[in-house]
PDB file of N, CA and C in Angstrom:
ATOM      1  N   MET A   1     163.146  24.655 121.533  1.00  0.00           N
ATOM      2  CA  MET A   1     161.813  24.698 121.006  1.00  0.00           C
ATOM      3  C   MET A   1     160.932  23.844 121.912  1.00  0.00           C
ATOM      4  N   LEU A   2     159.793  24.364 122.256  1.00  0.00           N
ATOM      5  CA  LEU A   2     158.862  23.652 123.123  1.00  0.00           C
ATOM      6  C   LEU A   2     157.825  22.887 122.302  1.00  0.00           C
ATOM      7  N   ASP A   3     157.185  21.919 122.963  1.00  0.00           N
ATOM      8  CA  ASP A   3     156.106  21.187 122.306  1.00  0.00           C
ATOM      9  C   ASP A   3     154.901  22.112 122.115  1.00  0.00           C
ATOM     10  N   GLU A   4     153.850  21.585 121.494  1.00  0.00           N
ATOM     11  CA  GLU A   4     152.674  22.401 121.183  1.00  0.00           C
ATOM     12  C   GLU A   4     152.018  22.991 122.427  1.00  0.00           C
ATOM     13  N   GLU A   5     152.125  22.298 123.539  1.00  0.00           N
ATOM     14  CA  GLU A   5     151.522  22.782 124.777  1.00  0.00           C
ATOM     15  C   GLU A   5     152.452  23.727 125.534  1.00  0.00           C
ATOM     16  N   GLY A   6     153.686  23.856 125.050  1.00  0.00           N
ATOM     17  CA  GLY A   6     154.646  24.737 125.693  1.00  0.00           C
ATOM     18  C   GLY A   6     155.173  24.221 127.016  1.00  0.00           C
ATOM     19  N   LYS A   7     155.134  22.898 127.201  1.00  0.00           N
ATOM     20  CA  LYS A   7     155.521  22.316 128.488  1.00  0.00           C
ATOM     21  C   LYS A   7     156.844  21.567 128.450  1.00  0.00           C
ATOM     22  N   GLU A   8     157.177  20.951 127.330  1.00  0.00           N
ATOM     23  CA  GLU A   8     158.382  20.132 127.252  1.00  0.00           C
ATOM     24  C   GLU A   8     159.311  20.640 126.157  1.00  0.00           C
ATOM     25  N   ILE A   9     160.601  20.627 126.459  1.00  0.00           N
ATOM     26  CA  ILE A   9     161.599  21.013 125.464  1.00  0.00           C
ATOM     27  C   ILE A   9     161.766  19.862 124.484  1.00  0.00           C
ATOM     28  N   GLN A  10     161.637  20.161 123.195  1.00  0.00           N
ATOM     29  CA  GLN A  10     161.827  19.131 122.179  1.00  0.00           C
ATOM     30  C   GLN A  10     163.168  19.277 121.466  1.00  0.00           C
ATOM     31  N   PHE A  11     163.670  20.498 121.356  1.00  0.00           N
ATOM     32  CA  PHE A  11     164.942  20.730 120.691  1.00  0.00           C
ATOM     33  C   PHE A  11     165.718  21.816 121.423  1.00  0.00           C
ATOM     34  N   ALA A  12     167.006  21.600 121.563  1.00  0.00           N
ATOM     35  CA  ALA A  12     167.932  22.620 122.067  1.00  0.00           C
ATOM     36  C   ALA A  12     169.232  22.387 121.308  1.00  0.00           C
ATOM     37  N   TYR A  13     169.498  23.222 120.331  1.00  0.00           N
ATOM     38  CA  TYR A  13     170.611  23.012 119.408  1.00  0.00           C
ATOM     39  C   TYR A  13     171.853  22.497 120.125  1.00  0.00           C
ATOM     40  N   PRO A  14     172.487  21.462 119.636  1.00  0.00           N
ATOM     41  CA  PRO A  14     172.155  20.622 118.491  1.00  0.00           C
ATOM     42  C   PRO A  14     171.381  19.366 118.885  1.00  0.00           C
ATOM     43  N   VAL A  15     170.864  19.334 120.105  1.00  0.00           N
ATOM     44  CA  VAL A  15     170.218  18.131 120.646  1.00  0.00           C
ATOM     45  C   VAL A  15     168.733  18.109 120.305  1.00  0.00           C
ATOM     46  N   SER A  16     168.264  16.943 119.862  1.00  0.00           N
ATOM     47  CA  SER A  16     166.843  16.730 119.628  1.00  0.00           C
ATOM     48  C   SER A  16     166.282  15.890 120.761  1.00  0.00           C
ATOM     49  N   GLY A  17     165.178  16.303 121.313  1.00  0.00           N
ATOM     50  CA  GLY A  17     164.493  15.517 122.336  1.00  0.00           C
ATOM     51  C   GLY A  17     163.679  14.390 121.739  1.00  0.00           C
ATOM     52  N   LEU A  18     163.597  14.360 120.434  1.00  0.00           N
ATOM     53  CA  LEU A  18     162.857  13.324 119.717  1.00  0.00           C
ATOM     54  C   LEU A  18     163.840  12.508 118.885  1.00  0.00           C
ATOM     55  N   PRO A  19     163.577  11.225 118.684  1.00  0.00           N
ATOM     56  CA  PRO A  19     164.474  10.400 117.865  1.00  0.00           C
ATOM     57  C   PRO A  19     164.564  10.923 116.429  1.00  0.00           C
ATOM     58  N   THR A  20     165.794  10.898 115.887  1.00  0.00           N
ATOM     59  CA  THR A  20     166.036  11.259 114.488  1.00  0.00           C
ATOM     60  C   THR A  20     166.950  10.196 113.882  1.00  0.00           C
ATOM     61  N   SER A  21     167.368  10.401 112.671  1.00  0.00           N
ATOM     62  CA  SER A  21     168.287   9.464 111.996  1.00  0.00           C
ATOM     63  C   SER A  21     169.734   9.663 112.416  1.00  0.00           C
ATOM     64  N   HIS A  22     169.990  10.609 113.319  1.00  0.00           N
ATOM     65  CA  HIS A  22     171.361  10.985 113.659  1.00  0.00           C
ATOM     66  C   HIS A  22     171.607  10.780 115.156  1.00  0.00           C
ATOM     67  N   HIS A  23     172.177   9.638 115.504  1.00  0.00           N
ATOM     68  CA  HIS A  23     172.443   9.281 116.902  1.00  0.00           C
ATOM     69  C   HIS A  23     173.891   9.604 117.245  1.00  0.00           C
ATOM     70  N   ILE A  24     174.096  10.334 118.338  1.00  0.00           N
ATOM     71  CA  ILE A  24     175.422  10.763 118.754  1.00  0.00           C
ATOM     72  C   ILE A  24     175.785  10.083 120.065  1.00  0.00           C
ATOM     73  N   THR A  25     177.028   9.608 120.165  1.00  0.00           N
ATOM     74  CA  THR A  25     177.577   9.107 121.423  1.00  0.00           C
ATOM     75  C   THR A  25     178.834   9.902 121.723  1.00  0.00           C
ATOM     76  N   LEU A  26     178.802  10.639 122.834  1.00  0.00           N
ATOM     77  CA  LEU A  26     179.962  11.420 123.259  1.00  0.00           C
ATOM     78  C   LEU A  26     180.970  10.523 123.956  1.00  0.00           C
ATOM     79  N   SER A  27     182.214  10.959 124.037  1.00  0.00           N
ATOM     80  CA  SER A  27     183.268  10.141 124.652  1.00  0.00           C
ATOM     81  C   SER A  27     183.005   9.891 126.141  1.00  0.00           C
ATOM     82  N   ASP A  28     182.218  10.750 126.789  1.00  0.00           N
ATOM     83  CA  ASP A  28     181.905  10.519 128.209  1.00  0.00           C
ATOM     84  C   ASP A  28     180.722   9.573 128.404  1.00  0.00           C
ATOM     85  N   GLY A  29     180.178   9.039 127.281  1.00  0.00           N
ATOM     86  CA  GLY A  29     179.115   8.049 127.353  1.00  0.00           C
ATOM     87  C   GLY A  29     177.714   8.600 127.162  1.00  0.00           C
ATOM     88  N   ARG A  30     177.549   9.910 127.206  1.00  0.00           N
ATOM     89  CA  ARG A  30     176.216  10.471 126.975  1.00  0.00           C
ATOM     90  C   ARG A  30     175.801  10.245 125.528  1.00  0.00           C
ATOM     91  N   GLU A  31     174.498  10.020 125.326  1.00  0.00           N
ATOM     92  CA  GLU A  31     173.950   9.774 124.002  1.00  0.00           C
ATOM     93  C   GLU A  31     172.752  10.678 123.769  1.00  0.00           C
ATOM     94  N   TYR A  32     172.569  11.073 122.529  1.00  0.00           N
ATOM     95  CA  TYR A  32     171.402  11.870 122.165  1.00  0.00           C
ATOM     96  C   TYR A  32     171.236  11.834 120.656  1.00  0.00           C
ATOM     97  N   TYR A  33     170.143  12.387 120.183  1.00  0.00           N
ATOM     98  CA  TYR A  33     169.905  12.551 118.753  1.00  0.00           C
ATOM     99  C   TYR A  33     170.153  14.006 118.388  1.00  0.00           C
ATOM    100  N   SER A  34     170.694  14.236 117.202  1.00  0.00           N
ATOM    101  CA  SER A  34     170.833  15.608 116.713  1.00  0.00           C
ATOM    102  C   SER A  34     169.757  15.854 115.672  1.00  0.00           C
ATOM    103  N   MET A  35     169.537  17.129 115.380  1.00  0.00           N
ATOM    104  CA  MET A  35     168.442  17.493 114.486  1.00  0.00           C
ATOM    105  C   MET A  35     168.740  17.209 113.015  1.00  0.00           C
ATOM    106  N   CYS A  36     170.024  17.247 112.626  1.00  0.00           N
ATOM    107  CA  CYS A  36     170.376  16.976 111.228  1.00  0.00           C
ATOM    108  C   CYS A  36     171.843  16.552 111.160  1.00  0.00           C
ATOM    109  N   ALA A  37     172.296  16.195 109.966  1.00  0.00           N
ATOM    110  CA  ALA A  37     173.677  15.731 109.786  1.00  0.00           C
ATOM    111  C   ALA A  37     174.691  16.821 110.126  1.00  0.00           C
ATOM    112  N   ILE A  38     174.408  18.051 109.741  1.00  0.00           N
ATOM    113  CA  ILE A  38     175.337  19.151 110.029  1.00  0.00           C
ATOM    114  C   ILE A  38     175.417  19.382 111.538  1.00  0.00           C
ATOM    115  N   ASP A  39     174.287  19.319 112.218  1.00  0.00           N
ATOM    116  CA  ASP A  39     174.296  19.456 113.680  1.00  0.00           C
ATOM    117  C   ASP A  39     175.100  18.333 114.322  1.00  0.00           C
ATOM    118  N   SER A  40     175.044  17.154 113.734  1.00  0.00           N
ATOM    119  CA  SER A  40     175.827  16.028 114.265  1.00  0.00           C
ATOM    120  C   SER A  40     177.306  16.362 114.254  1.00  0.00           C
ATOM    121  N   LEU A  41     177.786  16.884 113.142  1.00  0.00           N
ATOM    122  CA  LEU A  41     179.197  17.256 113.031  1.00  0.00           C
ATOM    123  C   LEU A  41     179.538  18.422 113.950  1.00  0.00           C
ATOM    124  N   GLY A  42     178.627  19.367 114.077  1.00  0.00           N
ATOM    125  CA  GLY A  42     178.847  20.519 114.937  1.00  0.00           C
ATOM    126  C   GLY A  42     178.840  20.187 116.414  1.00  0.00           C
ATOM    127  N   SER A  43     178.344  19.000 116.764  1.00  0.00           N
ATOM    128  CA  SER A  43     178.286  18.590 118.167  1.00  0.00           C
ATOM    129  C   SER A  43     179.666  18.561 118.815  1.00  0.00           C
ATOM    130  N   TYR A  44     180.679  18.269 118.029  1.00  0.00           N
ATOM    131  CA  TYR A  44     182.045  18.270 118.564  1.00  0.00           C
ATOM    132  C   TYR A  44     182.385  19.644 119.136  1.00  0.00           C
ATOM    133  N   PHE A  45     181.990  20.683 118.430  1.00  0.00           N
ATOM    134  CA  PHE A  45     182.323  22.044 118.832  1.00  0.00           C
ATOM    135  C   PHE A  45     181.381  22.580 119.913  1.00  0.00           C
ATOM    136  N   THR A  46     180.281  21.894 120.135  1.00  0.00           N
ATOM    137  CA  THR A  46     179.380  22.269 121.221  1.00  0.00           C
ATOM    138  C   THR A  46     179.861  21.679 122.536  1.00  0.00           C
ATOM    139  N   PHE A  47     180.233  20.389 122.504  1.00  0.00           N
ATOM    140  CA  PHE A  47     180.611  19.684 123.728  1.00  0.00           C
ATOM    141  C   PHE A  47     182.120  19.532 123.899  1.00  0.00           C
ATOM    142  N   TRP A  48     182.894  19.836 122.853  1.00  0.00           N
ATOM    143  CA  TRP A  48     184.355  19.691 122.877  1.00  0.00           C
ATOM    144  C   TRP A  48     184.777  18.319 123.389  1.00  0.00           C
ATOM    145  N   GLN A  49     184.150  17.296 122.800  1.00  0.00           N
ATOM    146  CA  GLN A  49     184.473  15.900 123.115  1.00  0.00           C
ATOM    147  C   GLN A  49     184.524  15.102 121.825  1.00  0.00           C
ATOM    148  N   ASP A  50     185.351  14.064 121.824  1.00  0.00           N
ATOM    149  CA  ASP A  50     185.313  13.121 120.718  1.00  0.00           C
ATOM    150  C   ASP A  50     183.923  12.496 120.708  1.00  0.00           C
ATOM    151  N   LEU A  51     183.501  12.064 119.527  1.00  0.00           N
ATOM    152  CA  LEU A  51     182.156  11.495 119.434  1.00  0.00           C
ATOM    153  C   LEU A  51     182.037  10.546 118.267  1.00  0.00           C
ATOM    154  N   GLU A  52     180.976   9.741 118.309  1.00  0.00           N
ATOM    155  CA  GLU A  52     180.618   8.861 117.196  1.00  0.00           C
ATOM    156  C   GLU A  52     179.236   9.244 116.716  1.00  0.00           C
ATOM    157  N   ILE A  53     179.073   9.264 115.410  1.00  0.00           N
ATOM    158  CA  ILE A  53     177.793   9.572 114.792  1.00  0.00           C
ATOM    159  C   ILE A  53     177.330   8.324 114.056  1.00  0.00           C
ATOM    160  N   ASP A  54     176.162   7.844 114.402  1.00  0.00           N
ATOM    161  CA  ASP A  54     175.527   6.754 113.670  1.00  0.00           C
ATOM    162  C   ASP A  54     174.331   7.363 112.955  1.00  0.00           C
ATOM    163  N   SER A  55     174.380   7.324 111.629  1.00  0.00           N
ATOM    164  CA  SER A  55     173.355   7.982 110.841  1.00  0.00           C
ATOM    165  C   SER A  55     172.933   7.075 109.701  1.00  0.00           C
ATOM    166  N   VAL A  56     172.091   7.619 108.836  1.00  0.00           N
ATOM    167  CA  VAL A  56     171.583   6.880 107.688  1.00  0.00           C
ATOM    168  C   VAL A  56     171.602   7.806 106.481  1.00  0.00           C
ATOM    169  N   CYS A  57     172.091   7.307 105.365  1.00  0.00           N
ATOM    170  CA  CYS A  57     172.093   8.088 104.139  1.00  0.00           C
ATOM    171  C   CYS A  57     170.653   8.370 103.725  1.00  0.00           C
ATOM    172  N   SER A  58     170.338   9.633 103.482  1.00  0.00           N
ATOM    173  CA  SER A  58     168.964   9.997 103.118  1.00  0.00           C
ATOM    174  C   SER A  58     168.592   9.543 101.709  1.00  0.00           C
ATOM    175  N   THR A  59     169.584   9.218 100.887  1.00  0.00           N
ATOM    176  CA  THR A  59     169.313   8.758  99.527  1.00  0.00           C
ATOM    177  C   THR A  59     169.178   7.246  99.450  1.00  0.00           C
ATOM    178  N   SER A  60     170.166   6.535 100.000  1.00  0.00           N
ATOM    179  CA  SER A  60     170.189   5.075  99.855  1.00  0.00           C
ATOM    180  C   SER A  60     169.623   4.332 101.054  1.00  0.00           C
ATOM    181  N   GLY A  61     169.562   4.993 102.211  1.00  0.00           N
ATOM    182  CA  GLY A  61     169.107   4.311 103.421  1.00  0.00           C
ATOM    183  C   GLY A  61     170.188   3.484 104.082  1.00  0.00           C
ATOM    184  N   GLU A  62     171.409   3.519 103.518  1.00  0.00           N
ATOM    185  CA  GLU A  62     172.524   2.753 104.068  1.00  0.00           C
ATOM    186  C   GLU A  62     173.045   3.414 105.349  1.00  0.00           C
ATOM    187  N   PRO A  63     173.455   2.610 106.329  1.00  0.00           N
ATOM    188  CA  PRO A  63     174.011   3.193 107.560  1.00  0.00           C
ATOM    189  C   PRO A  63     175.358   3.864 107.312  1.00  0.00           C
ATOM    190  N   ILE A  64     175.598   4.927 108.056  1.00  0.00           N
ATOM    191  CA  ILE A  64     176.848   5.675 107.986  1.00  0.00           C
ATOM    192  C   ILE A  64     177.364   5.856 109.407  1.00  0.00           C
ATOM    193  N   LYS A  65     178.632   5.599 109.622  1.00  0.00           N
ATOM    194  CA  LYS A  65     179.261   5.832 110.927  1.00  0.00           C
ATOM    195  C   LYS A  65     180.428   6.775 110.728  1.00  0.00           C
ATOM    196  N   VAL A  66     180.412   7.855 111.488  1.00  0.00           N
ATOM    197  CA  VAL A  66     181.479   8.844 111.431  1.00  0.00           C
ATOM    198  C   VAL A  66     182.010   9.016 112.842  1.00  0.00           C
ATOM    199  N   VAL A  67     183.326   9.064 112.972  1.00  0.00           N
ATOM    200  CA  VAL A  67     183.964   9.300 114.264  1.00  0.00           C
ATOM    201  C   VAL A  67     184.688  10.638 114.175  1.00  0.00           C
ATOM    202  N   VAL A  68     184.497  11.474 115.182  1.00  0.00           N
ATOM    203  CA  VAL A  68     185.237  12.726 115.286  1.00  0.00           C
ATOM    204  C   VAL A  68     186.164  12.573 116.483  1.00  0.00           C
ATOM    205  N   LYS A  69     187.466  12.577 116.204  1.00  0.00           N
ATOM    206  CA  LYS A  69     188.468  12.390 117.252  1.00  0.00           C
ATOM    207  C   LYS A  69     189.524  13.480 117.114  1.00  0.00           C
ATOM    208  N   ASN A  70     189.732  14.207 118.188  1.00  0.00           N
ATOM    209  CA  ASN A  70     190.691  15.317 118.180  1.00  0.00           C
ATOM    210  C   ASN A  70     190.423  16.296 117.035  1.00  0.00           C
ATOM    211  N   GLY A  71     189.144  16.522 116.747  1.00  0.00           N
ATOM    212  CA  GLY A  71     188.766  17.468 115.708  1.00  0.00           C
ATOM    213  C   GLY A  71     188.885  16.954 114.295  1.00  0.00           C
ATOM    214  N   ARG A  72     189.208  15.675 114.115  1.00  0.00           N
ATOM    215  CA  ARG A  72     189.362  15.093 112.780  1.00  0.00           C
ATOM    216  C   ARG A  72     188.240  14.105 112.512  1.00  0.00           C
ATOM    217  N   LEU A  73     187.791  14.046 111.263  1.00  0.00           N
ATOM    218  CA  LEU A  73     186.718  13.137 110.858  1.00  0.00           C
ATOM    219  C   LEU A  73     187.290  11.826 110.349  1.00  0.00           C
ATOM    220  N   PHE A  74     186.686  10.744 110.791  1.00  0.00           N
ATOM    221  CA  PHE A  74     187.030   9.412 110.304  1.00  0.00           C
ATOM    222  C   PHE A  74     185.731   8.723 109.920  1.00  0.00           C
ATOM    223  N   ILE A  75     185.610   8.349 108.655  1.00  0.00           N
ATOM    224  CA  ILE A  75     184.413   7.656 108.197  1.00  0.00           C
ATOM    225  C   ILE A  75     184.688   6.175 108.283  1.00  0.00           C
ATOM    226  N   LYS A  76     183.912   5.477 109.125  1.00  0.00           N
ATOM    227  CA  LYS A  76     184.146   4.054 109.327  1.00  0.00           C
ATOM    228  C   LYS A  76     183.399   3.207 108.310  1.00  0.00           C
ATOM    229  N   VAL A  77     182.197   3.605 107.975  1.00  0.00           N
ATOM    230  CA  VAL A  77     181.405   2.829 107.027  1.00  0.00           C
ATOM    231  C   VAL A  77     180.716   3.805 106.098  1.00  0.00           C
ATOM    232  N   VAL A  78     180.937   3.630 104.820  1.00  0.00           N
ATOM    233  CA  VAL A  78     180.249   4.478 103.847  1.00  0.00           C
ATOM    234  C   VAL A  78     180.196   3.727 102.522  1.00  0.00           C
ATOM    235  N   GLN A  79     179.093   3.849 101.847  1.00  0.00           N
ATOM    236  CA  GLN A  79     178.995   3.289 100.511  1.00  0.00           C
ATOM    237  C   GLN A  79     179.012   4.443  99.526  1.00  0.00           C
ATOM    238  N   VAL A  80     179.791   4.294  98.499  1.00  0.00           N
ATOM    239  CA  VAL A  80     179.904   5.334  97.491  1.00  0.00           C
ATOM    240  C   VAL A  80     179.161   4.873  96.256  1.00  0.00           C
ATOM    241  N   PHE A  81     178.390   5.758  95.687  1.00  0.00           N
ATOM    242  CA  PHE A  81     177.734   5.434  94.437  1.00  0.00           C
ATOM    243  C   PHE A  81     177.836   6.645  93.517  1.00  0.00           C
ATOM    244  N   ILE A  82     177.775   6.380  92.237  1.00  0.00           N
ATOM    245  CA  ILE A  82     177.908   7.432  91.245  1.00  0.00           C
ATOM    246  C   ILE A  82     176.609   7.502  90.465  1.00  0.00           C
ATOM    247  N   VAL A  83     176.112   8.690  90.315  1.00  0.00           N
ATOM    248  CA  VAL A  83     174.919   8.913  89.502  1.00  0.00           C
ATOM    249  C   VAL A  83     175.348   9.594  88.219  1.00  0.00           C
ATOM    250  N   SER A  84     174.960   9.026  87.111  1.00  0.00           N
ATOM    251  CA  SER A  84     175.300   9.605  85.824  1.00  0.00           C
ATOM    252  C   SER A  84     174.005  10.044  85.138  1.00  0.00           C
ATOM    253  N   MET A  85     174.027  11.228  84.576  1.00  0.00           N
ATOM    254  CA  MET A  85     172.818  11.741  83.974  1.00  0.00           C
ATOM    255  C   MET A  85     173.170  12.490  82.700  1.00  0.00           C
ATOM    256  N   TRP A  86     172.373  12.301  81.681  1.00  0.00           N
ATOM    257  CA  TRP A  86     172.557  13.033  80.434  1.00  0.00           C
ATOM    258  C   TRP A  86     171.552  14.168  80.403  1.00  0.00           C
ATOM    259  N   ILE A  87     172.007  15.317  79.958  1.00  0.00           N
ATOM    260  CA  ILE A  87     171.098  16.456  79.854  1.00  0.00           C
ATOM    261  C   ILE A  87     170.887  16.770  78.396  1.00  0.00           C
TER     262      ILE A  87
END
């Protein structure tokens, strides 16, 4: 996707040319932002490299770190909360 003037690339799936809440570090050291959390996970299948995802929970604002190694997910930091609601 190009900017409004049609001169600069801002997005090329799954890479965002603009900062987002989803920072990716590939095993070869390259870093970029992805457009969303699902794109972050899909980055493994785009680049076929282990990677680390540093993100932020959209509900709580708490940091989340996910590692994808050999196609497996490892959550390093996550806070779990339960919402209870009566209907």
